[in-house]
């Protein structure tokens, strides 16, 4: 459920909707293997992983519960574009 007062997302399905609306690709956790924590920041942890169907190495960001959804979208947009 999206809480407009706090601007946080507590329902994983809502996160997918917000990501899709902002043209951010969503991948299931099962899409990755060899996950290793490599750092952390104000919003959560950063992990190194491989795509399960290839040897492609990617960085994953796990956001802390209650992180402001606008800040998540801003951070992802800055990194991706």
N, C-alpha and C. Protein backbone atom coordinates (compact mmCIF):
# COMPACT_ATOMS: atom_id res chain seq x y z
N UNK A 1 0.84 -1.18 0.00
CA UNK A 1 0.00 0.00 0.00
C UNK A 1 0.88 1.24 0.00
N UNK A 2 0.58 2.19 -0.85
CA UNK A 2 1.34 3.43 -0.94
C UNK A 2 0.79 4.41 0.07
N UNK A 3 1.64 4.89 0.94
CA UNK A 3 1.25 5.84 1.97
C UNK A 3 1.66 7.23 1.50
N UNK A 4 0.71 8.04 1.07
CA UNK A 4 1.03 9.35 0.50
C UNK A 4 1.58 10.31 1.54
N UNK A 5 1.20 10.13 2.79
CA UNK A 5 1.69 11.01 3.84
C UNK A 5 3.18 10.79 4.08
N UNK A 6 3.58 9.53 4.20
CA UNK A 6 4.98 9.19 4.46
C UNK A 6 5.74 8.96 3.15
N UNK A 7 5.02 8.72 2.06
CA UNK A 7 5.59 8.43 0.75
C UNK A 7 6.50 7.21 0.80
N UNK A 8 6.02 6.17 1.46
CA UNK A 8 6.74 4.91 1.49
C UNK A 8 5.86 3.82 0.92
N UNK A 9 6.48 2.73 0.54
CA UNK A 9 5.74 1.62 -0.03
C UNK A 9 5.91 0.41 0.88
N UNK A 10 4.80 -0.18 1.30
CA UNK A 10 4.87 -1.36 2.16
C UNK A 10 4.43 -2.63 1.43
N UNK A 11 3.88 -2.50 0.25
CA UNK A 11 3.41 -3.65 -0.53
C UNK A 11 4.36 -3.87 -1.71
N UNK A 12 5.02 -5.04 -1.79
CA UNK A 12 5.94 -5.29 -2.90
C UNK A 12 5.32 -5.10 -4.28
N UNK A 13 4.04 -5.43 -4.45
CA UNK A 13 3.39 -5.24 -5.74
C UNK A 13 3.32 -3.77 -6.12
N UNK A 14 3.22 -2.91 -5.12
CA UNK A 14 3.19 -1.47 -5.39
C UNK A 14 4.56 -0.99 -5.86
N UNK A 15 5.62 -1.57 -5.32
CA UNK A 15 6.97 -1.23 -5.76
C UNK A 15 7.12 -1.56 -7.24
N UNK A 16 6.63 -2.71 -7.66
CA UNK A 16 6.70 -3.12 -9.06
C UNK A 16 5.94 -2.13 -9.93
N UNK A 17 4.75 -1.71 -9.50
CA UNK A 17 3.96 -0.74 -10.27
C UNK A 17 4.70 0.58 -10.41
N UNK A 18 5.28 1.08 -9.31
CA UNK A 18 6.00 2.35 -9.34
C UNK A 18 7.22 2.23 -10.24
N UNK A 19 7.96 1.13 -10.14
CA UNK A 19 9.14 0.92 -10.97
C UNK A 19 8.76 0.90 -12.45
N UNK A 20 7.72 0.16 -12.79
CA UNK A 20 7.27 0.07 -14.18
C UNK A 20 6.83 1.42 -14.71
N UNK A 21 6.11 2.16 -13.90
CA UNK A 21 5.65 3.49 -14.30
C UNK A 21 6.83 4.41 -14.61
N UNK A 22 7.93 4.23 -13.88
CA UNK A 22 9.11 5.06 -14.07
C UNK A 22 10.15 4.41 -14.99
N UNK A 23 9.70 3.38 -15.74
CA UNK A 23 10.53 2.69 -16.73
C UNK A 23 11.78 2.07 -16.11
N UNK A 24 11.64 1.53 -14.90
CA UNK A 24 12.72 0.83 -14.22
C UNK A 24 12.41 -0.66 -14.30
N UNK A 25 13.36 -1.45 -14.79
CA UNK A 25 13.14 -2.88 -14.92
C UNK A 25 13.14 -3.53 -13.53
N UNK A 26 12.23 -4.46 -13.35
CA UNK A 26 12.13 -5.21 -12.09
C UNK A 26 12.50 -6.66 -12.36
N UNK A 27 13.37 -7.22 -11.54
CA UNK A 27 13.78 -8.61 -11.66
C UNK A 27 13.46 -9.33 -10.36
N UNK A 28 13.01 -10.56 -10.46
CA UNK A 28 12.76 -11.38 -9.29
C UNK A 28 14.10 -11.76 -8.64
N UNK A 29 14.09 -11.95 -7.33
CA UNK A 29 15.28 -12.34 -6.58
C UNK A 29 15.90 -13.61 -7.16
N UNK A 30 15.06 -14.53 -7.62
CA UNK A 30 15.53 -15.80 -8.16
C UNK A 30 16.31 -15.62 -9.46
N UNK A 31 16.30 -14.43 -10.05
CA UNK A 31 17.02 -14.16 -11.29
C UNK A 31 18.52 -14.02 -11.07
N UNK A 32 18.97 -14.07 -9.80
CA UNK A 32 20.37 -13.81 -9.47
C UNK A 32 20.95 -14.94 -8.63
N UNK A 33 22.28 -15.11 -8.74
CA UNK A 33 22.99 -16.09 -7.93
C UNK A 33 24.33 -15.49 -7.51
N UNK A 34 25.05 -16.17 -6.63
CA UNK A 34 26.35 -15.70 -6.14
C UNK A 34 26.26 -14.29 -5.57
N UNK A 35 25.27 -14.03 -4.76
CA UNK A 35 25.04 -12.70 -4.21
C UNK A 35 25.98 -12.47 -3.03
N UNK A 36 26.74 -11.35 -3.09
CA UNK A 36 27.70 -11.00 -2.05
C UNK A 36 27.56 -9.53 -1.69
N UNK A 37 27.47 -9.23 -0.40
CA UNK A 37 27.37 -7.83 0.02
C UNK A 37 28.72 -7.15 -0.18
N UNK A 38 28.69 -5.97 -0.81
CA UNK A 38 29.93 -5.23 -1.07
C UNK A 38 29.94 -3.85 -0.41
N UNK A 39 28.81 -3.42 0.15
CA UNK A 39 28.79 -2.12 0.79
C UNK A 39 27.41 -1.77 1.31
N UNK A 40 27.32 -0.60 1.92
CA UNK A 40 26.02 -0.12 2.40
C UNK A 40 26.04 1.40 2.39
N UNK A 41 24.86 1.96 2.45
CA UNK A 41 24.71 3.41 2.44
C UNK A 41 23.52 3.82 3.26
N UNK A 42 23.08 5.05 3.09
CA UNK A 42 21.97 5.59 3.87
C UNK A 42 20.65 4.87 3.62
N UNK A 43 20.46 4.37 2.39
CA UNK A 43 19.17 3.78 2.02
C UNK A 43 19.15 2.26 2.10
N UNK A 44 20.33 1.61 2.21
CA UNK A 44 20.34 0.16 2.27
C UNK A 44 21.67 -0.42 1.85
N UNK A 45 21.66 -1.69 1.48
CA UNK A 45 22.88 -2.40 1.12
C UNK A 45 23.10 -2.48 -0.38
N UNK A 46 24.38 -2.68 -0.75
CA UNK A 46 24.76 -2.85 -2.14
C UNK A 46 25.39 -4.24 -2.27
N UNK A 47 24.98 -4.99 -3.29
CA UNK A 47 25.41 -6.36 -3.47
C UNK A 47 25.93 -6.58 -4.88
N UNK A 48 26.86 -7.51 -5.01
CA UNK A 48 27.36 -7.98 -6.30
C UNK A 48 26.69 -9.32 -6.54
N UNK A 49 26.26 -9.57 -7.78
CA UNK A 49 25.60 -10.84 -8.10
C UNK A 49 25.80 -11.16 -9.58
N UNK A 50 25.48 -12.40 -9.92
CA UNK A 50 25.47 -12.83 -11.31
C UNK A 50 24.03 -13.10 -11.71
N UNK A 51 23.71 -12.82 -12.97
CA UNK A 51 22.41 -13.21 -13.50
C UNK A 51 22.39 -14.72 -13.57
N UNK A 52 21.33 -15.36 -13.14
CA UNK A 52 21.25 -16.81 -13.09
C UNK A 52 21.40 -17.47 -14.45
N UNK A 53 20.94 -16.81 -15.50
CA UNK A 53 20.99 -17.42 -16.83
C UNK A 53 22.24 -17.05 -17.63
N UNK A 54 23.19 -16.35 -17.00
CA UNK A 54 24.43 -15.97 -17.68
C UNK A 54 25.51 -15.69 -16.64
N UNK A 55 26.68 -15.32 -17.10
CA UNK A 55 27.77 -14.95 -16.19
C UNK A 55 27.85 -13.43 -15.99
N UNK A 56 26.85 -12.72 -16.49
CA UNK A 56 26.83 -11.26 -16.37
C UNK A 56 26.84 -10.85 -14.90
N UNK A 57 27.78 -9.99 -14.54
CA UNK A 57 27.89 -9.47 -13.18
C UNK A 57 27.09 -8.17 -13.07
N UNK A 58 26.30 -8.05 -12.01
CA UNK A 58 25.47 -6.86 -11.82
C UNK A 58 25.60 -6.37 -10.38
N UNK A 59 25.20 -5.14 -10.16
CA UNK A 59 25.11 -4.58 -8.81
C UNK A 59 23.64 -4.53 -8.43
N UNK A 60 23.33 -4.95 -7.21
CA UNK A 60 21.96 -4.92 -6.69
C UNK A 60 21.90 -3.96 -5.51
N UNK A 61 20.81 -3.27 -5.39
CA UNK A 61 20.61 -2.37 -4.25
C UNK A 61 19.38 -2.84 -3.49
N UNK A 62 19.55 -3.08 -2.20
CA UNK A 62 18.44 -3.47 -1.33
C UNK A 62 18.11 -2.26 -0.46
N UNK A 63 16.92 -1.72 -0.64
CA UNK A 63 16.53 -0.54 0.12
C UNK A 63 15.97 -0.92 1.47
N UNK A 64 16.30 -0.12 2.49
CA UNK A 64 15.78 -0.35 3.83
C UNK A 64 14.27 -0.17 3.86
N UNK A 65 13.57 -0.94 4.69
CA UNK A 65 12.12 -0.74 4.84
C UNK A 65 11.80 0.70 5.23
N UNK A 66 10.76 1.24 4.63
CA UNK A 66 10.34 2.59 4.96
C UNK A 66 11.08 3.68 4.21
N UNK A 67 11.98 3.30 3.30
CA UNK A 67 12.68 4.31 2.51
C UNK A 67 11.67 5.06 1.64
N UNK A 68 11.81 6.35 1.57
CA UNK A 68 10.92 7.20 0.79
C UNK A 68 10.98 6.79 -0.68
N UNK A 69 9.83 6.48 -1.27
CA UNK A 69 9.77 5.99 -2.65
C UNK A 69 10.32 7.02 -3.64
N UNK A 70 10.13 8.29 -3.38
CA UNK A 70 10.67 9.31 -4.29
C UNK A 70 12.20 9.29 -4.26
N UNK A 71 12.79 9.05 -3.11
CA UNK A 71 14.24 8.97 -3.01
C UNK A 71 14.77 7.74 -3.73
N UNK A 72 14.02 6.63 -3.67
CA UNK A 72 14.43 5.42 -4.38
C UNK A 72 14.43 5.70 -5.89
N UNK A 73 13.36 6.28 -6.39
CA UNK A 73 13.26 6.57 -7.83
C UNK A 73 14.36 7.55 -8.24
N UNK A 74 14.61 8.58 -7.43
CA UNK A 74 15.67 9.55 -7.75
C UNK A 74 17.03 8.86 -7.80
N UNK A 75 17.34 8.01 -6.83
CA UNK A 75 18.63 7.34 -6.79
C UNK A 75 18.80 6.40 -7.98
N UNK A 76 17.78 5.63 -8.28
CA UNK A 76 17.86 4.70 -9.40
C UNK A 76 18.00 5.47 -10.71
N UNK A 77 17.29 6.56 -10.85
CA UNK A 77 17.38 7.37 -12.07
C UNK A 77 18.77 7.95 -12.24
N UNK A 78 19.38 8.43 -11.16
CA UNK A 78 20.72 8.98 -11.24
C UNK A 78 21.75 7.92 -11.64
N UNK A 79 21.59 6.71 -11.11
CA UNK A 79 22.53 5.64 -11.40
C UNK A 79 22.34 5.14 -12.83
N UNK A 80 21.09 4.97 -13.25
CA UNK A 80 20.79 4.33 -14.54
C UNK A 80 20.97 5.25 -15.73
N UNK A 81 20.81 6.53 -15.53
CA UNK A 81 20.84 7.43 -16.69
C UNK A 81 21.92 8.42 -16.48
